[in-house]
Amino acid sequence: MKYYVNKKAQSNGDHEVHNENCNYLPSDKKYLRNFSNCADAVKEAKKEYTKSNGCKYCAPACHTS
C-alpha cells in the first residue's frame, strides 16, 4: 500500500502518516513509497520528520499520540 506523510505538523508537532485510502489524506503530503505495514512507513517518515505518527483512522496500530 502507498503511504504518505503530512508535510504540515499538527498542533502537537506530529507529522501524520496516512495510507492512500485514508479519508483524512492531506493535500500537502509527501509520498513515502509502498509498504506492507504502517510501522515501516512511520520509520521512513521519521528520517525527515522525527516526530512522525500513524493516523488514528487509517494506521491505528501506529498511532501513539
N, C-alpha and C. Protein backbone atom coordinates (compact mmCIF):
# COMPACT_ATOMS: atom_id res chain seq x y z
N MET A 1 0.83 -1.17 0.00
CA MET A 1 0.00 0.00 0.00
C MET A 1 0.89 1.25 0.00
N LYS A 2 0.43 2.28 -0.68
CA LYS A 2 1.17 3.54 -0.72
C LYS A 2 0.93 4.33 0.56
N TYR A 3 2.02 4.91 1.08
CA TYR A 3 1.93 5.72 2.28
C TYR A 3 2.47 7.12 2.02
N TYR A 4 1.89 8.06 2.76
CA TYR A 4 2.26 9.48 2.64
C TYR A 4 2.43 10.06 4.04
N VAL A 5 3.24 11.12 4.13
CA VAL A 5 3.37 11.84 5.39
C VAL A 5 2.92 13.27 5.17
N ASN A 6 2.19 13.79 6.12
CA ASN A 6 1.72 15.17 6.05
C ASN A 6 2.92 16.09 6.24
N LYS A 7 3.16 17.00 5.30
CA LYS A 7 4.27 17.94 5.41
C LYS A 7 4.04 18.96 6.51
N LYS A 8 2.78 19.21 6.82
CA LYS A 8 2.43 20.19 7.84
C LYS A 8 2.20 19.48 9.17
N ALA A 9 2.89 19.93 10.20
CA ALA A 9 2.75 19.32 11.51
C ALA A 9 1.42 19.69 12.15
N GLN A 10 0.92 18.80 12.96
CA GLN A 10 -0.29 19.07 13.74
C GLN A 10 0.09 20.00 14.89
N SER A 11 -0.88 20.41 15.66
CA SER A 11 -0.63 21.34 16.77
C SER A 11 0.33 20.76 17.81
N ASN A 12 0.39 19.43 17.92
CA ASN A 12 1.31 18.81 18.87
C ASN A 12 2.69 18.54 18.27
N GLY A 13 2.90 18.94 17.02
CA GLY A 13 4.19 18.77 16.37
C GLY A 13 4.34 17.50 15.55
N ASP A 14 3.37 16.61 15.60
CA ASP A 14 3.43 15.35 14.86
C ASP A 14 3.14 15.56 13.37
N HIS A 15 3.84 14.79 12.56
CA HIS A 15 3.55 14.70 11.13
C HIS A 15 2.89 13.33 10.95
N GLU A 16 1.63 13.33 10.58
CA GLU A 16 0.89 12.08 10.49
C GLU A 16 1.16 11.33 9.20
N VAL A 17 1.25 10.01 9.33
CA VAL A 17 1.44 9.11 8.20
C VAL A 17 0.08 8.50 7.85
N HIS A 18 -0.27 8.56 6.57
CA HIS A 18 -1.55 8.07 6.07
C HIS A 18 -1.33 7.09 4.93
N ASN A 19 -2.27 6.16 4.77
CA ASN A 19 -2.21 5.31 3.58
C ASN A 19 -3.04 5.97 2.48
N GLU A 20 -2.91 5.44 1.29
CA GLU A 20 -3.52 6.05 0.11
C GLU A 20 -5.05 6.07 0.14
N ASN A 21 -5.66 5.25 0.98
CA ASN A 21 -7.13 5.17 1.03
C ASN A 21 -7.74 5.97 2.18
N CYS A 22 -6.93 6.71 2.90
CA CYS A 22 -7.41 7.42 4.08
C CYS A 22 -8.33 8.59 3.70
N ASN A 23 -9.42 8.72 4.42
CA ASN A 23 -10.33 9.85 4.23
C ASN A 23 -9.72 11.16 4.69
N TYR A 24 -8.66 11.10 5.49
CA TYR A 24 -8.01 12.29 6.04
C TYR A 24 -6.66 12.56 5.38
N LEU A 25 -6.43 12.00 4.21
CA LEU A 25 -5.18 12.22 3.49
C LEU A 25 -5.07 13.70 3.14
N PRO A 26 -4.01 14.37 3.61
CA PRO A 26 -3.89 15.80 3.37
C PRO A 26 -3.46 16.12 1.94
N SER A 27 -3.72 17.34 1.53
CA SER A 27 -3.29 17.74 0.19
C SER A 27 -1.80 18.08 0.17
N ASP A 28 -1.27 18.56 1.29
CA ASP A 28 0.15 18.90 1.38
C ASP A 28 0.90 17.72 1.97
N LYS A 29 1.18 16.74 1.12
CA LYS A 29 1.77 15.49 1.58
C LYS A 29 3.00 15.12 0.79
N LYS A 30 3.81 14.24 1.38
CA LYS A 30 5.00 13.71 0.70
C LYS A 30 4.81 12.20 0.56
N TYR A 31 5.00 11.72 -0.66
CA TYR A 31 4.91 10.28 -0.90
C TYR A 31 6.12 9.59 -0.28
N LEU A 32 5.88 8.57 0.52
CA LEU A 32 6.97 7.82 1.12
C LEU A 32 7.37 6.66 0.21
N ARG A 33 6.46 5.76 -0.08
CA ARG A 33 6.55 4.65 -1.03
C ARG A 33 5.60 3.56 -0.59
N ASN A 34 5.67 2.42 -1.23
CA ASN A 34 4.82 1.29 -0.84
C ASN A 34 5.43 0.57 0.36
N PHE A 35 4.59 0.25 1.32
CA PHE A 35 5.00 -0.53 2.49
C PHE A 35 3.92 -1.55 2.78
N SER A 36 4.31 -2.64 3.39
CA SER A 36 3.34 -3.68 3.75
C SER A 36 2.68 -3.39 5.09
N ASN A 37 3.22 -2.41 5.84
CA ASN A 37 2.64 -2.06 7.14
C ASN A 37 2.95 -0.62 7.50
N CYS A 38 2.18 -0.09 8.45
CA CYS A 38 2.36 1.32 8.83
C CYS A 38 3.63 1.55 9.63
N ALA A 39 4.10 0.55 10.35
CA ALA A 39 5.31 0.73 11.17
C ALA A 39 6.51 1.08 10.30
N ASP A 40 6.65 0.40 9.18
CA ASP A 40 7.76 0.70 8.28
C ASP A 40 7.59 2.08 7.64
N ALA A 41 6.35 2.46 7.36
CA ALA A 41 6.09 3.78 6.78
C ALA A 41 6.42 4.89 7.78
N VAL A 42 6.06 4.71 9.04
CA VAL A 42 6.38 5.71 10.06
C VAL A 42 7.89 5.80 10.24
N LYS A 43 8.56 4.67 10.22
CA LYS A 43 10.02 4.65 10.34
C LYS A 43 10.67 5.46 9.21
N GLU A 44 10.15 5.30 8.02
CA GLU A 44 10.66 6.05 6.86
C GLU A 44 10.37 7.55 7.03
N ALA A 45 9.18 7.88 7.48
CA ALA A 45 8.82 9.29 7.67
C ALA A 45 9.71 9.96 8.70
N LYS A 46 10.12 9.21 9.73
CA LYS A 46 10.95 9.77 10.79
C LYS A 46 12.34 10.16 10.31
N LYS A 47 12.75 9.69 9.15
CA LYS A 47 14.04 10.10 8.59
C LYS A 47 14.06 11.59 8.28
N GLU A 48 12.91 12.13 7.93
CA GLU A 48 12.79 13.56 7.62
C GLU A 48 12.06 14.33 8.71
N TYR A 49 11.02 13.70 9.26
CA TYR A 49 10.22 14.34 10.31
C TYR A 49 10.31 13.46 11.55
N THR A 50 11.17 13.83 12.48
CA THR A 50 11.43 12.97 13.64
C THR A 50 10.19 12.73 14.49
N LYS A 51 9.27 13.66 14.49
CA LYS A 51 8.01 13.48 15.22
C LYS A 51 6.92 13.03 14.25
N SER A 52 7.01 11.80 13.81
CA SER A 52 6.00 11.22 12.92
C SER A 52 5.19 10.21 13.69
N ASN A 53 3.95 10.04 13.26
CA ASN A 53 2.99 9.21 13.97
C ASN A 53 1.97 8.70 12.96
N GLY A 54 1.43 7.52 13.19
CA GLY A 54 0.41 6.98 12.31
C GLY A 54 -0.94 7.65 12.54
N CYS A 55 -1.69 7.80 11.49
CA CYS A 55 -3.05 8.35 11.57
C CYS A 55 -3.92 7.41 12.40
N LYS A 56 -4.72 7.97 13.32
CA LYS A 56 -5.54 7.10 14.17
C LYS A 56 -6.67 6.43 13.39
N TYR A 57 -6.97 6.90 12.20
CA TYR A 57 -8.06 6.32 11.40
C TYR A 57 -7.57 5.26 10.42
N CYS A 58 -6.49 5.54 9.69
CA CYS A 58 -6.04 4.58 8.68
C CYS A 58 -4.83 3.76 9.12
N ALA A 59 -4.16 4.19 10.20
CA ALA A 59 -2.99 3.46 10.70
C ALA A 59 -3.04 3.40 12.23
N PRO A 60 -4.13 2.89 12.80
CA PRO A 60 -4.30 2.91 14.26
C PRO A 60 -3.21 2.12 15.00
N ALA A 61 -2.66 1.10 14.38
CA ALA A 61 -1.61 0.31 15.04
C ALA A 61 -0.34 1.15 15.26
N CYS A 62 -0.21 2.23 14.51
CA CYS A 62 0.98 3.08 14.60
C CYS A 62 0.69 4.44 15.22
N HIS A 63 -0.53 4.63 15.69
CA HIS A 63 -0.93 5.90 16.30
C HIS A 63 -0.57 5.87 17.78
N THR A 64 0.30 6.80 18.19
CA THR A 64 0.76 6.79 19.58
C THR A 64 0.36 8.02 20.38
N SER A 65 -0.06 9.08 19.69
CA SER A 65 -0.46 10.28 20.45
C SER A 65 -1.50 11.08 19.69
